[in-house]
Amino acid sequence: MSLYENTLAQMKKAADTMSLDPELYAVLEEPMRIVEVHIPVRMDDGSLKVFTGYRSQHNNFAGPFKGGIRYHQQVDLGEVKALSAWMTMKTGVVGIPMGGGKGGIIVNPKELSEGELERLSRGYARLIAPVIGDQVDVPAPDVNTTGQIMSWIKDEYSKFVGKETPGVITGKPLEDGGSLGRNTATAQGGMYVLDKLAEEKGIDPASASVVIQGFGNAGHFMAKMLREKGYAVKGLADSRGCIVSDSGFEPDEVLEIKKAEGSVVNVEGKPGYEDVRTCSSGEFVEMECDILVLAALENQITGENAENVKAKYIIELANGPINPEGDAILQEKGVLVVPDILANAGGVTVSYFEWHQNVNDEKWTAEEVDEKLTKIMYDSYVKVAENRDKYSCTMRIAAFITAMQRLDTLWKEGKKI
């Protein structure tokens, strides 16, 4: 089953559970518009290469299409379509006035020089410029794309329309119209969701153990916030290995070692970490713990290993870390999974804040951003939990239902064909 088929299956299950208007579901089954572009780029050696890119605009009932642009050699149309549908659901769960979109270019950016990367990004921007805009479609960073790439795209789009248009894209550097709080937003949103989960289930941070798979931006900040709240972070993993310690880790120290030596596994044997041991990635997700945070890649828990997962609660900080077969097994085992479209929605929420500040010529303080994010994430968790109880379903299906309820309201208010 492809990623797009998986996404449709989740949407269909939610639609059937809530008895969604079949006409609305038919509209949501396919993106409203898909753009395929072919970008000629002059390479540093003088040769010409043509790269294929996409932009999928799934739904704009709530507002401009919203979603990232990824640069990866495995990008394909099905993936971009699926991720754009997820974005419609994600913006719907948190109730921000934006829709769902996604873009991507088939490329390994690590093989390009900075000049080639800039020419590729500007070329893509010129080709999608007629179908984006601060009131039409607002892209953002995703896999292998950065604030600098967003600035290049904003600059190229602004040339296209003949005026500076900072609101056309989010995830920009602060000095180029970015927002305070964006760097920590995904982890911060996940932490607020965990706060509400702990409140609902009576989880005591002082006695709860956590392991975190993925130690990039979101994983590191999540580890730091968990430790500040009193949780024991007993396991950390990155792409090169996994470490476990009964006495826990200090996330900033681990990050410094990772930056200097390449991986979290280099913590082993360092002063203060004498009890650290390494383990395989397979063993890591099956560790004894109260809370497992998945902040790495998709398909980490599948039908093959879900039976061995011992965590009571799972927070999906990454997109799609549990496949449908694994999800079904975890449900049978009684593991409560907080799904990606809720758990990591802090990122798109603060992206919306950035857009709002740009189009209204405002500058919010870090405190204002955090206050607004806290309210949205708390309220969203409560709505999803209410739908979970009302429909006797998983948090994942309840999150899809929450998004579809909002779309159904917009549909009935005048969006009908």
Protein backbone atom coordinates (compact mmCIF):
# COMPACT_ATOMS: atom_id res chain seq x y z
CA MET A 1 0.00 0.00 0.00
CA SER A 2 1.43 3.37 -1.04
CA LEU A 3 1.68 6.38 1.26
CA TYR A 4 -1.21 8.00 -0.61
CA GLU A 5 -3.35 4.86 -0.29
CA ASN A 6 -2.54 4.76 3.46
CA THR A 7 -3.59 8.39 3.82
CA LEU A 8 -6.86 7.79 1.97
CA ALA A 9 -7.56 4.72 4.13
CA GLN A 10 -7.17 6.81 7.31
CA MET A 11 -9.38 9.56 5.91
CA LYS A 12 -12.02 7.04 4.80
CA LYS A 13 -12.10 5.37 8.22
CA ALA A 14 -12.61 8.75 9.91
CA ALA A 15 -15.23 9.77 7.35
CA ASP A 16 -17.18 6.53 7.85
CA THR A 17 -16.91 6.78 11.64
CA MET A 18 -18.42 10.29 11.70
CA SER A 19 -20.82 9.73 8.73
CA LEU A 20 -19.23 12.53 6.73
CA ASP A 21 -21.14 13.89 3.74
CA PRO A 22 -20.04 11.57 0.87
CA GLU A 23 -19.86 14.53 -1.51
CA LEU A 24 -17.35 16.27 0.76
CA TYR A 25 -15.29 13.09 1.06
CA ALA A 26 -15.22 12.83 -2.75
CA VAL A 27 -13.81 16.37 -2.88
CA LEU A 28 -11.13 15.49 -0.28
CA GLU A 29 -10.02 12.29 -2.05
CA GLU A 30 -7.93 14.21 -4.61
CA PRO A 31 -5.94 17.46 -4.52
CA MET A 32 -7.63 20.50 -6.06
CA ARG A 33 -4.59 21.14 -8.24
CA ILE A 34 -1.27 19.46 -8.99
CA VAL A 35 1.57 21.28 -10.73
CA GLU A 36 4.52 19.43 -12.27
CA VAL A 37 7.51 21.50 -13.32
CA HIS A 38 10.79 20.78 -15.08
CA ILE A 39 13.60 23.03 -13.91
CA PRO A 40 16.68 23.55 -16.12
CA VAL A 41 19.78 24.27 -14.03
CA ARG A 42 23.22 25.23 -15.30
CA MET A 43 25.67 23.18 -13.25
CA ASP A 44 29.06 24.40 -12.09
CA ASP A 45 30.84 22.32 -14.78
CA GLY A 46 28.85 24.05 -17.52
CA SER A 47 26.50 21.15 -18.21
CA LEU A 48 22.70 21.48 -18.07
CA LYS A 49 20.51 19.28 -15.89
CA VAL A 50 16.71 19.29 -15.80
CA PHE A 51 15.10 18.49 -12.43
CA THR A 52 11.46 17.50 -11.88
CA GLY A 53 9.44 19.22 -9.16
CA TYR A 54 5.86 19.18 -7.90
CA ARG A 55 3.38 21.29 -5.96
CA SER A 56 0.20 19.62 -4.73
CA GLN A 57 -2.59 21.93 -3.55
CA HIS A 58 -4.98 19.66 -1.70
CA ASN A 59 -7.62 21.91 -0.14
CA ASN A 60 -8.17 25.62 0.56
CA PHE A 61 -11.58 25.73 2.27
CA ALA A 62 -10.06 27.27 5.41
CA GLY A 63 -7.51 29.55 3.75
CA PRO A 64 -4.39 29.53 1.55
CA PHE A 65 -2.80 26.14 0.81
CA LYS A 66 0.00 25.53 3.34
CA GLY A 67 2.82 23.04 3.42
CA GLY A 68 6.51 22.43 2.99
CA ILE A 69 8.86 21.88 0.06
CA ARG A 70 11.21 18.92 0.31
CA TYR A 71 14.37 18.19 -1.68
CA HIS A 72 14.99 14.44 -1.84
CA GLN A 73 15.86 11.85 -4.46
CA GLN A 74 12.81 9.76 -3.49
CA VAL A 75 10.24 12.53 -3.93
CA ASP A 76 7.39 11.40 -6.18
CA LEU A 77 3.90 12.56 -7.06
CA GLY A 78 2.14 10.06 -4.77
CA GLU A 79 4.18 11.17 -1.76
CA VAL A 80 3.54 14.85 -2.44
CA LYS A 81 -0.21 14.23 -2.83
CA ALA A 82 -0.35 12.26 0.42
CA LEU A 83 1.60 14.87 2.37
CA SER A 84 -0.60 17.67 1.03
CA ALA A 85 -3.69 15.81 2.27
CA TRP A 86 -2.02 15.36 5.66
CA MET A 87 -1.45 19.11 5.76
CA THR A 88 -5.17 19.75 5.19
CA MET A 89 -5.87 17.47 8.15
CA LYS A 90 -3.12 19.04 10.28
CA THR A 91 -4.24 22.63 9.76
CA GLY A 92 -7.80 21.43 10.39
CA VAL A 93 -6.94 19.76 13.69
CA VAL A 94 -5.43 22.95 15.13
CA GLY A 95 -8.06 25.18 13.52
CA ILE A 96 -5.79 27.70 11.80
CA PRO A 97 -7.15 29.54 8.72
CA MET A 98 -5.04 27.66 6.19
CA GLY A 99 -5.46 24.64 3.95
CA GLY A 100 -3.11 21.88 2.87
CA GLY A 101 -0.35 21.76 0.26
CA LYS A 102 3.06 20.17 -0.30
CA GLY A 103 5.90 20.43 -2.77
CA GLY A 104 9.10 18.70 -3.66
CA ILE A 105 11.96 18.33 -6.11
CA ILE A 106 13.58 15.03 -7.07
CA VAL A 107 17.18 15.78 -6.12
CA ASN A 108 19.87 14.86 -3.64
CA PRO A 109 20.83 18.34 -2.42
CA LYS A 110 24.04 17.00 -0.85
CA GLU A 111 25.35 16.49 -4.39
CA LEU A 112 24.86 20.17 -5.31
CA SER A 113 27.10 23.15 -4.63
CA GLU A 114 25.53 26.15 -2.94
CA GLY A 115 25.37 27.95 -6.27
CA GLU A 116 23.63 25.01 -7.94
CA LEU A 117 21.20 24.77 -5.01
CA GLU A 118 20.36 28.46 -5.33
CA ARG A 119 19.81 28.24 -9.09
CA LEU A 120 17.58 25.17 -8.61
CA SER A 121 15.54 26.89 -5.88
CA ARG A 122 15.10 30.11 -7.84
CA GLY A 123 14.18 28.14 -10.96
CA TYR A 124 11.52 26.20 -9.05
CA ALA A 125 10.20 29.46 -7.58
CA ARG A 126 9.84 31.03 -11.03
CA LEU A 127 7.88 28.04 -12.32
CA ILE A 128 5.46 27.76 -9.38
CA ALA A 129 5.13 31.55 -8.93
CA PRO A 130 1.87 31.75 -10.95
CA VAL A 131 0.15 29.35 -8.52
CA ILE A 132 1.47 30.55 -5.13
CA GLY A 133 1.08 33.81 -3.20
CA ASP A 134 0.40 35.07 0.30
CA GLN A 135 -3.36 34.67 -0.24
CA VAL A 136 -3.09 31.57 -2.47
CA ASP A 137 -0.43 29.06 -1.39
CA VAL A 138 2.24 29.58 1.27
CA PRO A 139 5.10 27.04 1.19
CA ALA A 140 7.61 26.34 4.00
CA PRO A 141 10.74 24.26 4.69
CA ASP A 142 10.61 20.48 4.86
CA VAL A 143 13.13 17.67 4.39
CA ASN A 144 16.53 19.07 3.28
CA THR A 145 15.27 22.64 2.82
CA THR A 146 16.35 25.60 4.93
CA GLY A 147 15.56 29.18 5.82
CA GLN A 148 18.07 30.31 3.17
CA ILE A 149 16.19 28.35 0.49
CA MET A 150 12.94 29.97 1.65
CA SER A 151 14.55 33.40 1.28
CA TRP A 152 15.65 32.61 -2.29
CA ILE A 153 12.10 31.52 -3.16
CA LYS A 154 10.60 34.63 -1.52
CA ASP A 155 13.04 36.84 -3.40
CA GLU A 156 12.26 35.21 -6.75
CA TYR A 157 8.49 35.38 -6.17
CA SER A 158 8.77 39.06 -5.16
CA LYS A 159 10.51 39.77 -8.49
CA PHE A 160 7.69 37.93 -10.30
CA VAL A 161 4.95 40.09 -8.75
CA GLY A 162 6.99 43.29 -8.71
CA LYS A 163 6.88 43.94 -4.97
CA GLU A 164 8.38 42.58 -1.74
CA THR A 165 6.05 39.80 -0.53
CA PRO A 166 7.37 38.25 2.71
CA GLY A 167 4.10 36.40 3.39
CA VAL A 168 4.47 34.15 0.33
CA ILE A 169 6.60 31.69 2.31
CA THR A 170 7.37 30.83 5.94
CA GLY A 171 10.36 29.36 7.75
CA LYS A 172 12.48 32.33 6.72
CA PRO A 173 15.44 33.57 8.80
CA LEU A 174 14.43 36.11 11.48
CA GLU A 175 16.19 38.94 9.67
CA ASP A 176 14.17 38.19 6.50
CA GLY A 177 10.70 38.17 8.06
CA GLY A 178 10.83 34.97 10.08
CA SER A 179 9.07 34.52 13.42
CA LEU A 180 10.40 34.07 16.92
CA GLY A 181 9.63 30.60 18.25
CA ARG A 182 9.74 28.81 14.87
CA ASN A 183 12.95 26.92 15.68
CA THR A 184 11.43 25.20 18.71
CA ALA A 185 7.80 25.14 17.56
CA THR A 186 7.46 21.45 16.62
CA ALA A 187 8.93 20.26 19.91
CA GLN A 188 7.10 22.91 21.92
CA GLY A 189 3.77 21.88 20.40
CA GLY A 190 4.56 18.23 21.14
CA MET A 191 5.39 19.12 24.74
CA TYR A 192 2.08 20.95 25.21
CA VAL A 193 0.23 17.91 23.85
CA LEU A 194 2.14 15.69 26.28
CA ASP A 195 1.20 18.08 29.11
CA LYS A 196 -2.49 17.48 28.36
CA LEU A 197 -1.95 13.73 28.00
CA ALA A 198 -0.20 13.63 31.38
CA GLU A 199 -3.03 15.63 32.94
CA GLU A 200 -5.65 13.28 31.48
CA LYS A 201 -3.87 10.03 32.32
CA GLY A 202 -2.27 11.02 35.62
CA ILE A 203 1.32 10.69 34.41
CA ASP A 204 3.82 11.89 37.03
CA PRO A 205 6.96 13.30 35.34
CA ALA A 206 9.06 12.43 38.39
CA SER A 207 8.40 8.73 37.92
CA ALA A 208 7.94 8.51 34.13
CA SER A 209 10.73 7.35 31.83
CA VAL A 210 11.07 8.60 28.25
CA VAL A 211 13.08 7.45 25.24
CA ILE A 212 13.43 9.63 22.14
CA GLN A 213 14.19 8.31 18.67
CA GLY A 214 15.64 11.12 16.59
CA PHE A 215 18.02 13.79 17.87
CA GLY A 216 17.71 16.51 15.27
CA ASN A 217 16.07 19.84 15.97
CA ALA A 218 12.74 18.49 17.24
CA GLY A 219 14.24 15.57 19.17
CA HIS A 220 16.83 17.71 20.94
CA PHE A 221 14.39 20.43 21.99
CA MET A 222 11.84 17.83 23.09
CA ALA A 223 14.50 16.12 25.24
CA LYS A 224 15.45 19.46 26.77
CA MET A 225 11.84 20.38 27.60
CA LEU A 226 11.12 16.95 29.04
CA ARG A 227 14.13 17.17 31.33
CA GLU A 228 13.09 20.67 32.47
CA LYS A 229 9.65 19.24 33.36
CA GLY A 230 11.26 16.52 35.48
CA TYR A 231 11.01 13.53 33.15
CA ALA A 232 13.87 11.04 33.04
CA VAL A 233 15.15 10.86 29.45
CA LYS A 234 16.76 7.40 29.50
CA GLY A 235 17.28 6.74 25.81
CA LEU A 236 18.37 8.82 22.80
CA ALA A 237 18.93 7.78 19.19
CA ASP A 238 20.10 9.36 15.96
CA SER A 239 20.78 7.96 12.48
CA ARG A 240 24.13 6.49 13.59
CA GLY A 241 23.14 4.73 16.78
CA CYS A 242 21.28 4.57 20.08
CA ILE A 243 22.30 5.15 23.70
CA VAL A 244 20.65 4.13 26.95
CA SER A 245 21.32 5.25 30.53
CA ASP A 246 19.40 4.47 33.71
CA SER A 247 20.53 7.79 35.17
CA GLY A 248 19.34 9.81 32.16
CA PHE A 249 20.95 12.37 29.86
CA GLU A 250 21.55 16.11 29.81
CA PRO A 251 20.38 16.97 26.26
CA ASP A 252 22.60 20.02 25.69
CA GLU A 253 25.71 18.06 26.68
CA VAL A 254 24.74 15.24 24.32
CA LEU A 255 24.16 17.75 21.51
CA GLU A 256 27.62 19.26 21.97
CA ILE A 257 29.21 15.82 21.79
CA LYS A 258 27.13 14.95 18.72
CA LYS A 259 28.19 18.20 16.99
CA ALA A 260 31.85 17.60 17.80
CA GLU A 261 32.06 13.85 17.15
CA GLY A 262 29.16 13.03 14.83
CA SER A 263 26.66 11.02 16.85
CA VAL A 264 24.96 10.56 20.20
CA VAL A 265 26.79 7.23 20.54
CA ASN A 266 30.03 9.15 21.18
CA VAL A 267 28.63 9.98 24.63
CA GLU A 268 29.51 6.43 25.70
CA GLY A 269 32.43 6.47 28.12
CA LYS A 270 32.45 10.24 28.64
CA PRO A 271 32.76 11.58 32.23
CA GLY A 272 29.40 11.45 33.96
CA TYR A 273 28.07 8.89 31.50
CA GLU A 274 29.88 5.79 32.69
CA ASP A 275 26.66 3.74 32.74
CA VAL A 276 25.78 4.52 29.11
CA ARG A 277 25.39 1.55 26.80
CA THR A 278 24.60 1.39 23.11
CA CYS A 279 21.94 -0.73 21.44
CA SER A 280 20.53 -1.42 17.98
CA SER A 281 17.71 0.68 16.52
CA GLY A 282 15.49 -2.42 16.67
CA GLU A 283 16.09 -2.85 20.39
CA PHE A 284 15.65 0.88 21.00
CA VAL A 285 11.97 1.18 20.00
CA GLU A 286 11.25 -1.97 22.03
CA MET A 287 12.79 -0.59 25.25
CA GLU A 288 10.95 -0.60 28.56
CA CYS A 289 9.65 2.94 29.04
CA ASP A 290 6.52 4.90 29.80
CA ILE A 291 6.70 7.31 26.84
CA LEU A 292 8.28 6.76 23.44
CA VAL A 293 8.82 9.89 21.34
CA LEU A 294 9.28 9.15 17.63
CA ALA A 295 11.12 12.13 16.12
CA ALA A 296 13.07 10.50 13.28
CA LEU A 297 11.78 8.88 10.08
CA GLU A 298 8.61 7.24 8.82
CA ASN A 299 7.81 3.53 9.24
CA GLN A 300 9.80 2.94 12.44
CA ILE A 301 7.07 0.81 14.01
CA THR A 302 5.49 -1.74 11.67
CA GLY A 303 3.62 -5.02 11.76
CA GLU A 304 6.98 -6.72 12.34
CA ASN A 305 7.99 -5.01 15.59
CA ALA A 306 4.83 -3.41 17.07
CA GLU A 307 4.07 -6.46 19.20
CA ASN A 308 7.38 -5.93 21.04
CA VAL A 309 6.84 -2.23 21.83
CA LYS A 310 6.64 -1.79 25.61
CA ALA A 311 5.85 1.94 25.85
CA LYS A 312 2.45 2.87 27.27
CA TYR A 313 2.26 6.13 25.30
CA ILE A 314 3.76 7.19 21.96
CA ILE A 315 4.15 10.77 20.71
CA GLU A 316 4.59 11.02 16.91
CA LEU A 317 6.82 14.07 16.53
CA ALA A 318 7.88 12.79 13.09
CA ASN A 319 5.52 12.34 10.15
CA GLY A 320 4.27 8.79 9.65
CA PRO A 321 6.61 6.92 12.03
CA ILE A 322 4.04 4.13 12.55
CA ASN A 323 2.62 2.30 9.54
CA PRO A 324 -1.02 1.08 9.44
CA GLU A 325 -0.15 -2.52 10.37
CA GLY A 326 1.88 -1.37 13.35
CA ASP A 327 -0.86 1.06 14.33
CA ALA A 328 -3.47 -1.71 14.43
CA ILE A 329 -1.29 -3.88 16.68
CA LEU A 330 -0.57 -1.01 19.07
CA GLN A 331 -4.31 -0.33 19.29
CA GLU A 332 -4.94 -3.97 20.22
CA LYS A 333 -2.21 -3.74 22.88
CA GLY A 334 -3.82 -0.63 24.39
CA VAL A 335 -0.91 1.70 23.59
CA LEU A 336 -2.14 5.30 23.32
CA VAL A 337 -0.63 6.98 20.25
CA VAL A 338 -0.81 10.77 19.91
CA PRO A 339 -0.73 11.06 16.09
CA ASP A 340 1.55 13.20 14.00
CA ILE A 341 -1.20 15.48 12.68
CA LEU A 342 -1.76 16.63 16.28
CA ALA A 343 1.59 16.01 18.00
CA ASN A 344 3.79 17.86 15.51
CA ALA A 345 1.29 20.54 14.48
CA GLY A 346 3.16 23.16 16.52
CA GLY A 347 5.40 23.63 13.47
CA VAL A 348 2.64 24.62 11.04
CA THR A 349 0.91 26.66 13.75
CA VAL A 350 3.94 28.91 14.23
CA SER A 351 4.35 29.00 10.44
CA TYR A 352 0.82 30.44 10.37
CA PHE A 353 1.89 32.97 13.03
CA GLU A 354 4.81 34.00 10.79
CA TRP A 355 2.48 34.45 7.81
CA HIS A 356 0.01 36.45 9.90
CA GLN A 357 2.77 38.78 11.09
CA ASN A 358 4.06 39.23 7.52
CA VAL A 359 0.71 40.06 5.90
CA ASN A 360 -0.31 42.38 8.75
CA ASP A 361 3.13 43.98 9.19
CA GLU A 362 3.35 42.89 12.83
CA LYS A 363 6.18 41.61 15.04
CA TRP A 364 5.21 39.39 17.97
CA THR A 365 7.39 38.78 21.00
CA ALA A 366 8.51 35.25 21.88
CA GLU A 367 6.08 35.38 24.81
CA GLU A 368 3.15 36.25 22.53
CA VAL A 369 4.02 33.40 20.17
CA ASP A 370 4.27 30.93 23.04
CA GLU A 371 1.02 32.08 24.65
CA LYS A 372 -0.90 31.67 21.38
CA LEU A 373 0.75 28.29 20.64
CA THR A 374 -0.05 26.97 24.12
CA LYS A 375 -3.75 27.78 23.79
CA ILE A 376 -4.06 26.25 20.31
CA MET A 377 -2.27 23.01 21.24
CA TYR A 378 -4.15 22.58 24.53
CA ASP A 379 -7.52 23.26 22.90
CA SER A 380 -6.72 20.92 19.99
CA TYR A 381 -5.80 18.05 22.30
CA VAL A 382 -9.05 18.48 24.21
CA LYS A 383 -11.13 18.44 21.00
CA VAL A 384 -9.39 15.31 19.71
CA ALA A 385 -9.78 13.53 23.08
CA GLU A 386 -13.49 14.43 23.12
CA ASN A 387 -13.94 12.91 19.65
CA ARG A 388 -11.95 9.83 20.69
CA ASP A 389 -14.40 9.27 23.55
CA LYS A 390 -17.49 10.21 21.54
CA TYR A 391 -16.72 7.83 18.68
CA SER A 392 -14.81 5.16 20.67
CA CYS A 393 -11.88 5.36 18.30
CA THR A 394 -8.12 5.94 18.40
CA MET A 395 -6.57 9.37 18.82
CA ARG A 396 -5.46 9.16 15.18
CA ILE A 397 -8.95 8.64 13.80
CA ALA A 398 -10.28 11.24 16.27
CA ALA A 399 -7.73 13.76 14.94
CA PHE A 400 -8.89 13.15 11.37
CA ILE A 401 -12.51 13.50 12.54
CA THR A 402 -11.68 16.81 14.25
CA ALA A 403 -10.20 18.15 11.01
CA MET A 404 -13.11 16.87 8.92
CA GLN A 405 -15.70 18.40 11.25
CA ARG A 406 -14.15 21.80 10.54
CA LEU A 407 -14.07 21.15 6.79
CA ASP A 408 -17.69 19.97 6.93
CA THR A 409 -18.71 23.25 8.60
CA LEU A 410 -16.91 25.28 5.93
CA TRP A 411 -18.46 23.12 3.21
CA LYS A 412 -21.95 23.71 4.55
CA GLU A 413 -21.33 27.45 4.97
CA GLY A 414 -20.96 28.02 1.26
CA LYS A 415 -18.06 26.08 -0.19
CA LYS A 416 -20.35 23.66 -2.05
CA ILE A 417 -19.90 23.41 -5.80
